Amino acid sequence: MTAEAVLIELLERLAAVPGGAILVNTHELNQWPPDAWAALKKQQLLAKAHAAASAVCPGCERECMMPVHTPPATTGQRRRVHCLRQSQRHQPGSRSSG
């Protein structure tokens, strides 16, 4: 992806949410050229967001919003979505059948 493509995509996403902010996840950022996100950050167009309190549960096709459990950083554990509809817990961003 080129820096120009990044800018076009962000502008299109912003146009779909007038007056709002858009979220860009780590997976997306890793696909951008480093100079693109560095320039956007330098212009204060990118800012780090707080960890989500809830997320779409990746455990089944219902895609319900569920709370995210964030353990202390010292534990080395990853954040997990607490699925209230199933006994299984899922890591944010992973898809599994359910």
PDB file of N, CA and C in Angstrom:
ATOM      1  N   MET A   1       0.850  -1.174   0.000  1.00  0.00           N
ATOM      2  CA  MET A   1       0.000   0.000   0.000  1.00  0.00           C
ATOM      3  C   MET A   1       0.891   1.230   0.000  1.00  0.00           C
ATOM      4  N   THR A   2       0.561   2.172  -0.829  1.00  0.00           N
ATOM      5  CA  THR A   2       1.343   3.409  -0.912  1.00  0.00           C
ATOM      6  C   THR A   2       0.822   4.433   0.099  1.00  0.00           C
ATOM      7  N   ALA A   3       1.624   5.452   0.351  1.00  0.00           N
ATOM      8  CA  ALA A   3       1.207   6.528   1.249  1.00  0.00           C
ATOM      9  C   ALA A   3      -0.035   7.227   0.698  1.00  0.00           C
ATOM     10  N   GLU A   4      -0.084   7.388  -0.618  1.00  0.00           N
ATOM     11  CA  GLU A   4      -1.254   8.007  -1.245  1.00  0.00           C
ATOM     12  C   GLU A   4      -2.511   7.155  -1.038  1.00  0.00           C
ATOM     13  N   ALA A   5      -2.384   5.848  -1.158  1.00  0.00           N
ATOM     14  CA  ALA A   5      -3.519   4.945  -0.949  1.00  0.00           C
ATOM     15  C   ALA A   5      -4.009   4.994   0.501  1.00  0.00           C
ATOM     16  N   VAL A   6      -3.067   5.113   1.435  1.00  0.00           N
ATOM     17  CA  VAL A   6      -3.431   5.240   2.852  1.00  0.00           C
ATOM     18  C   VAL A   6      -4.266   6.498   3.066  1.00  0.00           C
ATOM     19  N   LEU A   7      -3.801   7.611   2.524  1.00  0.00           N
ATOM     20  CA  LEU A   7      -4.511   8.877   2.681  1.00  0.00           C
ATOM     21  C   LEU A   7      -5.896   8.821   2.048  1.00  0.00           C
ATOM     22  N   ILE A   8      -6.002   8.258   0.863  1.00  0.00           N
ATOM     23  CA  ILE A   8      -7.308   8.135   0.200  1.00  0.00           C
ATOM     24  C   ILE A   8      -8.263   7.283   1.031  1.00  0.00           C
ATOM     25  N   GLU A   9      -7.772   6.154   1.529  1.00  0.00           N
ATOM     26  CA  GLU A   9      -8.624   5.285   2.346  1.00  0.00           C
ATOM     27  C   GLU A   9      -9.102   5.996   3.610  1.00  0.00           C
ATOM     28  N   LEU A  10      -8.194   6.696   4.285  1.00  0.00           N
ATOM     29  CA  LEU A  10      -8.580   7.412   5.508  1.00  0.00           C
ATOM     30  C   LEU A  10      -9.597   8.512   5.216  1.00  0.00           C
ATOM     31  N   LEU A  11      -9.404   9.239   4.134  1.00  0.00           N
ATOM     32  CA  LEU A  11     -10.352  10.301   3.778  1.00  0.00           C
ATOM     33  C   LEU A  11     -11.723   9.717   3.447  1.00  0.00           C
ATOM     34  N   GLU A  12     -11.764   8.590   2.765  1.00  0.00           N
ATOM     35  CA  GLU A  12     -13.041   7.944   2.460  1.00  0.00           C
ATOM     36  C   GLU A  12     -13.738   7.487   3.736  1.00  0.00           C
ATOM     37  N   ARG A  13     -12.970   6.929   4.669  1.00  0.00           N
ATOM     38  CA  ARG A  13     -13.556   6.489   5.944  1.00  0.00           C
ATOM     39  C   ARG A  13     -14.054   7.677   6.758  1.00  0.00           C
ATOM     40  N   LEU A  14     -13.293   8.771   6.760  1.00  0.00           N
ATOM     41  CA  LEU A  14     -13.726   9.975   7.481  1.00  0.00           C
ATOM     42  C   LEU A  14     -14.996  10.561   6.873  1.00  0.00           C
ATOM     43  N   ALA A  15     -15.114  10.511   5.563  1.00  0.00           N
ATOM     44  CA  ALA A  15     -16.307  11.034   4.885  1.00  0.00           C
ATOM     45  C   ALA A  15     -17.553  10.254   5.286  1.00  0.00           C
ATOM     46  N   ALA A  16     -17.380   8.995   5.624  1.00  0.00           N
ATOM     47  CA  ALA A  16     -18.514   8.158   6.025  1.00  0.00           C
ATOM     48  C   ALA A  16     -18.947   8.423   7.459  1.00  0.00           C
ATOM     49  N   VAL A  17     -18.115   9.129   8.239  1.00  0.00           N
ATOM     50  CA  VAL A  17     -18.422   9.427   9.643  1.00  0.00           C
ATOM     51  C   VAL A  17     -18.211  10.918   9.873  1.00  0.00           C
ATOM     52  N   PRO A  18     -19.087  11.767   9.340  1.00  0.00           N
ATOM     53  CA  PRO A  18     -18.886  13.210   9.476  1.00  0.00           C
ATOM     54  C   PRO A  18     -18.764  13.648  10.935  1.00  0.00           C
ATOM     55  N   GLY A  19     -17.741  14.423  11.220  1.00  0.00           N
ATOM     56  CA  GLY A  19     -17.536  14.952  12.565  1.00  0.00           C
ATOM     57  C   GLY A  19     -17.029  13.942  13.564  1.00  0.00           C
ATOM     58  N   GLY A  20     -16.792  12.722  13.124  1.00  0.00           N
ATOM     59  CA  GLY A  20     -16.356  11.678  14.047  1.00  0.00           C
ATOM     60  C   GLY A  20     -14.911  11.284  13.840  1.00  0.00           C
ATOM     61  N   ALA A  21     -14.494  10.380  14.663  1.00  0.00           N
ATOM     62  CA  ALA A  21     -13.142   9.840  14.550  1.00  0.00           C
ATOM     63  C   ALA A  21     -13.238   8.427  13.990  1.00  0.00           C
ATOM     64  N   ILE A  22     -12.174   7.974  13.380  1.00  0.00           N
ATOM     65  CA  ILE A  22     -12.136   6.597  12.902  1.00  0.00           C
ATOM     66  C   ILE A  22     -11.040   5.863  13.654  1.00  0.00           C
ATOM     67  N   LEU A  23     -11.205   4.577  13.793  1.00  0.00           N
ATOM     68  CA  LEU A  23     -10.211   3.758  14.467  1.00  0.00           C
ATOM     69  C   LEU A  23      -9.437   2.960  13.436  1.00  0.00           C
ATOM     70  N   VAL A  24      -8.131   2.889  13.633  1.00  0.00           N
ATOM     71  CA  VAL A  24      -7.247   2.117  12.772  1.00  0.00           C
ATOM     72  C   VAL A  24      -6.556   1.101  13.671  1.00  0.00           C
ATOM     73  N   ASN A  25      -6.717  -0.181  13.352  1.00  0.00           N
ATOM     74  CA  ASN A  25      -6.117  -1.184  14.233  1.00  0.00           C
ATOM     75  C   ASN A  25      -4.670  -1.469  13.850  1.00  0.00           C
ATOM     76  N   THR A  26      -3.986  -2.216  14.690  1.00  0.00           N
ATOM     77  CA  THR A  26      -2.576  -2.520  14.489  1.00  0.00           C
ATOM     78  C   THR A  26      -2.346  -3.279  13.192  1.00  0.00           C
ATOM     79  N   HIS A  27      -3.250  -4.168  12.851  1.00  0.00           N
ATOM     80  CA  HIS A  27      -3.118  -4.930  11.600  1.00  0.00           C
ATOM     81  C   HIS A  27      -3.078  -3.979  10.404  1.00  0.00           C
ATOM     82  N   GLU A  28      -3.958  -2.983  10.394  1.00  0.00           N
ATOM     83  CA  GLU A  28      -3.964  -2.000   9.308  1.00  0.00           C
ATOM     84  C   GLU A  28      -2.671  -1.185   9.290  1.00  0.00           C
ATOM     85  N   LEU A  29      -2.263  -0.707  10.466  1.00  0.00           N
ATOM     86  CA  LEU A  29      -1.037   0.099  10.537  1.00  0.00           C
ATOM     87  C   LEU A  29       0.175  -0.661  10.019  1.00  0.00           C
ATOM     88  N   ASN A  30       0.224  -1.951  10.291  1.00  0.00           N
ATOM     89  CA  ASN A  30       1.360  -2.759   9.841  1.00  0.00           C
ATOM     90  C   ASN A  30       1.408  -2.907   8.322  1.00  0.00           C
ATOM     91  N   GLN A  31       0.300  -2.637   7.636  1.00  0.00           N
ATOM     92  CA  GLN A  31       0.269  -2.702   6.177  1.00  0.00           C
ATOM     93  C   GLN A  31       0.670  -1.374   5.531  1.00  0.00           C
ATOM     94  N   TRP A  32       0.730  -0.317   6.323  1.00  0.00           N
ATOM     95  CA  TRP A  32       1.083   1.000   5.805  1.00  0.00           C
ATOM     96  C   TRP A  32       2.594   1.138   5.698  1.00  0.00           C
ATOM     97  N   PRO A  33       3.050   1.937   4.731  1.00  0.00           N
ATOM     98  CA  PRO A  33       4.480   2.261   4.714  1.00  0.00           C
ATOM     99  C   PRO A  33       4.808   3.104   5.956  1.00  0.00           C
ATOM    100  N   PRO A  34       5.941   2.850   6.601  1.00  0.00           N
ATOM    101  CA  PRO A  34       6.290   3.594   7.822  1.00  0.00           C
ATOM    102  C   PRO A  34       6.266   5.108   7.643  1.00  0.00           C
ATOM    103  N   ASP A  35       6.649   5.607   6.470  1.00  0.00           N
ATOM    104  CA  ASP A  35       6.650   7.055   6.268  1.00  0.00           C
ATOM    105  C   ASP A  35       5.235   7.627   6.256  1.00  0.00           C
ATOM    106  N   ALA A  36       4.248   6.810   5.873  1.00  0.00           N
ATOM    107  CA  ALA A  36       2.861   7.289   5.846  1.00  0.00           C
ATOM    108  C   ALA A  36       2.346   7.527   7.260  1.00  0.00           C
ATOM    109  N   TRP A  37       2.489   6.513   8.141  1.00  0.00           N
ATOM    110  CA  TRP A  37       1.956   6.728   9.489  1.00  0.00           C
ATOM    111  C   TRP A  37       2.801   7.711  10.278  1.00  0.00           C
ATOM    112  N   ALA A  38       4.097   7.780   9.986  1.00  0.00           N
ATOM    113  CA  ALA A  38       4.950   8.760  10.680  1.00  0.00           C
ATOM    114  C   ALA A  38       4.521  10.180  10.322  1.00  0.00           C
ATOM    115  N   ALA A  39       4.207  10.414   9.042  1.00  0.00           N
ATOM    116  CA  ALA A  39       3.770  11.746   8.614  1.00  0.00           C
ATOM    117  C   ALA A  39       2.420  12.106   9.226  1.00  0.00           C
ATOM    118  N   LEU A  40       1.493  11.133   9.253  1.00  0.00           N
ATOM    119  CA  LEU A  40       0.177  11.397   9.849  1.00  0.00           C
ATOM    120  C   LEU A  40       0.291  11.664  11.349  1.00  0.00           C
ATOM    121  N   LYS A  41       1.164  10.934  12.014  1.00  0.00           N
ATOM    122  CA  LYS A  41       1.366  11.145  13.450  1.00  0.00           C
ATOM    123  C   LYS A  41       2.020  12.507  13.712  1.00  0.00           C
ATOM    124  N   LYS A  42       2.996  12.869  12.882  1.00  0.00           N
ATOM    125  CA  LYS A  42       3.675  14.161  13.041  1.00  0.00           C
ATOM    126  C   LYS A  42       2.696  15.327  12.901  1.00  0.00           C
ATOM    127  N   GLN A  43       1.721  15.182  12.014  1.00  0.00           N
ATOM    128  CA  GLN A  43       0.696  16.215  11.812  1.00  0.00           C
ATOM    129  C   GLN A  43      -0.446  16.103  12.820  1.00  0.00           C
ATOM    130  N   GLN A  44      -0.292  15.212  13.789  1.00  0.00           N
ATOM    131  CA  GLN A  44      -1.279  14.970  14.855  1.00  0.00           C
ATOM    132  C   GLN A  44      -2.624  14.516  14.299  1.00  0.00           C
ATOM    133  N   LEU A  45      -2.570  13.745  13.207  1.00  0.00           N
ATOM    134  CA  LEU A  45      -3.777  13.171  12.638  1.00  0.00           C
ATOM    135  C   LEU A  45      -4.008  11.754  13.147  1.00  0.00           C
ATOM    136  N   LEU A  46      -3.003  11.184  13.794  1.00  0.00           N
ATOM    137  CA  LEU A  46      -3.118   9.881  14.428  1.00  0.00           C
ATOM    138  C   LEU A  46      -2.830  10.043  15.908  1.00  0.00           C
ATOM    139  N   ALA A  47      -3.616   9.375  16.716  1.00  0.00           N
ATOM    140  CA  ALA A  47      -3.389   9.373  18.160  1.00  0.00           C
ATOM    141  C   ALA A  47      -3.713   7.985  18.685  1.00  0.00           C
ATOM    142  N   LYS A  48      -2.964   7.564  19.672  1.00  0.00           N
ATOM    143  CA  LYS A  48      -3.192   6.243  20.244  1.00  0.00           C
ATOM    144  C   LYS A  48      -4.512   6.252  21.021  1.00  0.00           C
ATOM    145  N   ALA A  49      -5.323   5.237  20.766  1.00  0.00           N
ATOM    146  CA  ALA A  49      -6.611   5.110  21.454  1.00  0.00           C
ATOM    147  C   ALA A  49      -6.447   4.257  22.710  1.00  0.00           C
ATOM    148  N   HIS A  50      -7.377   4.392  23.605  1.00  0.00           N
ATOM    149  CA  HIS A  50      -7.399   3.551  24.802  1.00  0.00           C
ATOM    150  C   HIS A  50      -7.884   2.156  24.427  1.00  0.00           C
ATOM    151  N   ALA A  51      -7.526   1.188  25.232  1.00  0.00           N
ATOM    152  CA  ALA A  51      -7.987  -0.183  24.998  1.00  0.00           C
ATOM    153  C   ALA A  51      -9.512  -0.223  25.069  1.00  0.00           C
ATOM    154  N   ALA A  52     -10.096  -1.017  24.211  1.00  0.00           N
ATOM    155  CA  ALA A  52     -11.550  -1.126  24.144  1.00  0.00           C
ATOM    156  C   ALA A  52     -12.114  -1.821  25.385  1.00  0.00           C
ATOM    157  N   ALA A  53     -13.263  -1.354  25.842  1.00  0.00           N
ATOM    158  CA  ALA A  53     -13.962  -2.006  26.945  1.00  0.00           C
ATOM    159  C   ALA A  53     -14.851  -3.125  26.417  1.00  0.00           C
ATOM    160  N   SER A  54     -15.225  -3.036  25.138  1.00  0.00           N
ATOM    161  CA  SER A  54     -16.029  -4.077  24.511  1.00  0.00           C
ATOM    162  C   SER A  54     -15.601  -4.210  23.058  1.00  0.00           C
ATOM    163  N   ALA A  55     -15.921  -5.367  22.477  1.00  0.00           N
ATOM    164  CA  ALA A  55     -15.550  -5.634  21.085  1.00  0.00           C
ATOM    165  C   ALA A  55     -16.528  -6.638  20.505  1.00  0.00           C
ATOM    166  N   VAL A  56     -16.543  -6.734  19.193  1.00  0.00           N
ATOM    167  CA  VAL A  56     -17.374  -7.736  18.540  1.00  0.00           C
ATOM    168  C   VAL A  56     -16.768  -9.099  18.847  1.00  0.00           C
ATOM    169  N   CYS A  57     -17.565  -9.990  19.383  1.00  0.00           N
ATOM    170  CA  CYS A  57     -17.104 -11.332  19.732  1.00  0.00           C
ATOM    171  C   CYS A  57     -16.849 -12.117  18.448  1.00  0.00           C
ATOM    172  N   PRO A  58     -15.633 -12.644  18.280  1.00  0.00           N
ATOM    173  CA  PRO A  58     -15.310 -13.382  17.064  1.00  0.00           C
ATOM    174  C   PRO A  58     -15.707 -14.856  17.136  1.00  0.00           C
ATOM    175  N   GLY A  59     -16.417 -15.249  18.177  1.00  0.00           N
ATOM    176  CA  GLY A  59     -16.682 -16.665  18.408  1.00  0.00           C
ATOM    177  C   GLY A  59     -17.775 -17.281  17.575  1.00  0.00           C
ATOM    178  N   CYS A  60     -18.662 -16.476  17.004  1.00  0.00           N
ATOM    179  CA  CYS A  60     -19.740 -17.062  16.217  1.00  0.00           C
ATOM    180  C   CYS A  60     -20.274 -16.038  15.224  1.00  0.00           C
ATOM    181  N   GLU A  61     -21.209 -16.455  14.431  1.00  0.00           N
ATOM    182  CA  GLU A  61     -21.756 -15.590  13.385  1.00  0.00           C
ATOM    183  C   GLU A  61     -22.649 -14.476  13.926  1.00  0.00           C
ATOM    184  N   ARG A  62     -23.029 -14.520  15.205  1.00  0.00           N
ATOM    185  CA  ARG A  62     -23.895 -13.477  15.778  1.00  0.00           C
ATOM    186  C   ARG A  62     -23.183 -12.135  15.915  1.00  0.00           C
ATOM    187  N   GLU A  63     -21.875 -12.165  16.060  1.00  0.00           N
ATOM    188  CA  GLU A  63     -21.056 -10.955  16.183  1.00  0.00           C
ATOM    189  C   GLU A  63     -21.614  -9.972  17.218  1.00  0.00           C
ATOM    190  N   CYS A  64     -21.882 -10.487  18.413  1.00  0.00           N
ATOM    191  CA  CYS A  64     -22.405  -9.665  19.519  1.00  0.00           C
ATOM    192  C   CYS A  64     -21.290  -8.817  20.125  1.00  0.00           C
ATOM    193  N   MET A  65     -21.658  -7.659  20.686  1.00  0.00           N
ATOM    194  CA  MET A  65     -20.706  -6.850  21.436  1.00  0.00           C
ATOM    195  C   MET A  65     -20.575  -7.465  22.828  1.00  0.00           C
ATOM    196  N   MET A  66     -19.353  -7.753  23.233  1.00  0.00           N
ATOM    197  CA  MET A  66     -19.075  -8.390  24.516  1.00  0.00           C
ATOM    198  C   MET A  66     -17.955  -7.633  25.227  1.00  0.00           C
ATOM    199  N   PRO A  67     -17.913  -7.737  26.573  1.00  0.00           N
ATOM    200  CA  PRO A  67     -16.847  -7.060  27.314  1.00  0.00           C
ATOM    201  C   PRO A  67     -15.480  -7.678  27.031  1.00  0.00           C
ATOM    202  N   VAL A  68     -14.441  -6.829  27.081  1.00  0.00           N
ATOM    203  CA  VAL A  68     -13.061  -7.283  26.897  1.00  0.00           C
ATOM    204  C   VAL A  68     -12.387  -7.287  28.259  1.00  0.00           C
ATOM    205  N   HIS A  69     -11.755  -8.399  28.582  1.00  0.00           N
ATOM    206  CA  HIS A  69     -10.989  -8.508  29.823  1.00  0.00           C
ATOM    207  C   HIS A  69      -9.539  -8.157  29.512  1.00  0.00           C
ATOM    208  N   THR A  70      -9.006  -7.144  30.201  1.00  0.00           N
ATOM    209  CA  THR A  70      -7.624  -6.724  29.994  1.00  0.00           C
ATOM    210  C   THR A  70      -6.836  -7.017  31.267  1.00  0.00           C
ATOM    211  N   PRO A  71      -6.025  -8.089  31.246  1.00  0.00           N
ATOM    212  CA  PRO A  71      -5.234  -8.407  32.440  1.00  0.00           C
ATOM    213  C   PRO A  71      -4.095  -7.414  32.620  1.00  0.00           C
ATOM    214  N   PRO A  72      -3.509  -7.321  33.811  1.00  0.00           N
ATOM    215  CA  PRO A  72      -2.362  -6.429  34.018  1.00  0.00           C
ATOM    216  C   PRO A  72      -1.228  -6.781  33.052  1.00  0.00           C
ATOM    217  N   ALA A  73      -0.518  -5.780  32.582  1.00  0.00           N
ATOM    218  CA  ALA A  73       0.552  -5.984  31.602  1.00  0.00           C
ATOM    219  C   ALA A  73       1.636  -6.921  32.128  1.00  0.00           C
ATOM    220  N   THR A  74       1.823  -6.953  33.436  1.00  0.00           N
ATOM    221  CA  THR A  74       2.891  -7.777  34.017  1.00  0.00           C
ATOM    222  C   THR A  74       2.613  -9.268  33.908  1.00  0.00           C
ATOM    223  N   THR A  75       1.361  -9.652  33.633  1.00  0.00           N
ATOM    224  CA  THR A  75       1.038 -11.080  33.555  1.00  0.00           C
ATOM    225  C   THR A  75       1.452 -11.694  32.230  1.00  0.00           C
ATOM    226  N   GLY A  76       1.621 -10.880  31.196  1.00  0.00           N
ATOM    227  CA  GLY A  76       1.957 -11.399  29.882  1.00  0.00           C
ATOM    228  C   GLY A  76       0.769 -12.007  29.152  1.00  0.00           C
ATOM    229  N   GLN A  77      -0.413 -11.954  29.751  1.00  0.00           N
ATOM    230  CA  GLN A  77      -1.609 -12.502  29.114  1.00  0.00           C
ATOM    231  C   GLN A  77      -2.170 -11.503  28.122  1.00  0.00           C
ATOM    232  N   ARG A  78      -2.839 -12.025  27.100  1.00  0.00           N
ATOM    233  CA  ARG A  78      -3.467 -11.174  26.088  1.00  0.00           C
ATOM    234  C   ARG A  78      -4.885 -10.818  26.519  1.00  0.00           C
ATOM    235  N   ARG A  79      -5.397  -9.732  25.927  1.00  0.00           N
ATOM    236  CA  ARG A  79      -6.788  -9.356  26.173  1.00  0.00           C
ATOM    237  C   ARG A  79      -7.698 -10.436  25.605  1.00  0.00           C
ATOM    238  N   ARG A  80      -8.845 -10.626  26.246  1.00  0.00           N
ATOM    239  CA  ARG A  80      -9.789 -11.636  25.794  1.00  0.00           C
ATOM    240  C   ARG A  80     -11.205 -11.068  25.811  1.00  0.00           C
ATOM    241  N   VAL A  81     -11.986 -11.494  24.823  1.00  0.00           N
ATOM    242  CA  VAL A  81     -13.406 -11.155  24.792  1.00  0.00           C
ATOM    243  C   VAL A  81     -14.121 -12.182  25.650  1.00  0.00           C
ATOM    244  N   HIS A  82     -14.931 -11.703  26.584  1.00  0.00           N
ATOM    245  CA  HIS A  82     -15.714 -12.595  27.429  1.00  0.00           C
ATOM    246  C   HIS A  82     -17.063 -12.818  26.773  1.00  0.00           C
ATOM    247  N   CYS A  83     -17.210 -13.953  26.113  1.00  0.00           N
ATOM    248  CA  CYS A  83     -18.457 -14.270  25.426  1.00  0.00           C
ATOM    249  C   CYS A  83     -19.483 -14.701  26.461  1.00  0.00           C
ATOM    250  N   LEU A  84     -20.553 -13.952  26.571  1.00  0.00           N
ATOM    251  CA  LEU A  84     -21.603 -14.258  27.538  1.00  0.00           C
ATOM    252  C   LEU A  84     -22.610 -15.259  26.972  1.00  0.00           C
ATOM    253  N   ARG A  85     -22.512 -15.572  25.702  1.00  0.00           N
ATOM    254  CA  ARG A  85     -23.445 -16.495  25.059  1.00  0.00           C
ATOM    255  C   ARG A  85     -22.882 -17.913  24.958  1.00  0.00           C
ATOM    256  N   GLN A  86     -21.571 -18.036  25.114  1.00  0.00           N
ATOM    257  CA  GLN A  86     -20.910 -19.332  25.031  1.00  0.00           C
ATOM    258  C   GLN A  86     -19.964 -19.462  26.210  1.00  0.00           C
ATOM    259  N   SER A  87     -19.580 -20.680  26.512  1.00  0.00           N
ATOM    260  CA  SER A  87     -18.643 -20.890  27.617  1.00  0.00           C
ATOM    261  C   SER A  87     -17.209 -20.632  27.179  1.00  0.00           C
ATOM    262  N   GLN A  88     -16.981 -20.414  25.897  1.00  0.00           N
ATOM    263  CA  GLN A  88     -15.650 -20.234  25.340  1.00  0.00           C
ATOM    264  C   GLN A  88     -15.251 -18.763  25.358  1.00  0.00           C
ATOM    265  N   ARG A  89     -13.980 -18.487  25.623  1.00  0.00           N
ATOM    266  CA  ARG A  89     -13.447 -17.126  25.553  1.00  0.00           C
ATOM    267  C   ARG A  89     -12.617 -17.010  24.297  1.00  0.00           C
ATOM    268  N   HIS A  90     -12.611 -15.823  23.698  1.00  0.00           N
ATOM    269  CA  HIS A  90     -11.920 -15.613  22.431  1.00  0.00           C
ATOM    270  C   HIS A  90     -10.959 -14.438  22.534  1.00  0.00           C
ATOM    271  N   GLN A  91      -9.852 -14.542  21.825  1.00  0.00           N
ATOM    272  CA  GLN A  91      -8.925 -13.426  21.745  1.00  0.00           C
ATOM    273  C   GLN A  91      -9.410 -12.458  20.694  1.00  0.00           C
ATOM    274  N   PRO A  92      -9.367 -11.148  20.961  1.00  0.00           N
ATOM    275  CA  PRO A  92      -9.781 -10.179  19.952  1.00  0.00           C
ATOM    276  C   PRO A  92      -9.010 -10.370  18.650  1.00  0.00           C
ATOM    277  N   GLY A  93      -9.745 -10.327  17.553  1.00  0.00           N
ATOM    278  CA  GLY A  93      -9.116 -10.422  16.250  1.00  0.00           C
ATOM    279  C   GLY A  93      -8.988 -11.828  15.717  1.00  0.00           C
ATOM    280  N   SER A  94      -9.300 -12.854  16.532  1.00  0.00           N
ATOM    281  CA  SER A  94      -9.204 -14.219  16.018  1.00  0.00           C
ATOM    282  C   SER A  94     -10.592 -14.742  15.709  1.00  0.00           C
ATOM    283  N   ARG A  95     -10.715 -15.477  14.650  1.00  0.00           N
ATOM    284  CA  ARG A  95     -11.986 -16.061  14.244  1.00  0.00           C
ATOM    285  C   ARG A  95     -11.939 -17.556  14.548  1.00  0.00           C
ATOM    286  N   SER A  96     -13.007 -18.054  15.115  1.00  0.00           N
ATOM    287  CA  SER A  96     -13.122 -19.491  15.320  1.00  0.00           C
ATOM    288  C   SER A  96     -14.569 -19.881  15.112  1.00  0.00           C
ATOM    289  N   SER A  97     -14.798 -21.117  14.787  1.00  0.00           N
ATOM    290  CA  SER A  97     -16.176 -21.554  14.583  1.00  0.00           C
ATOM    291  C   SER A  97     -16.828 -21.731  15.937  1.00  0.00           C
ATOM    292  N   GLY A  98     -18.126 -21.489  16.010  1.00  0.00           N
ATOM    293  CA  GLY A  98     -18.771 -21.589  17.304  1.00  0.00           C
ATOM    294  C   GLY A  98     -20.212 -21.797  17.220  1.00  0.00           C
TER     295      GLY A  98
END
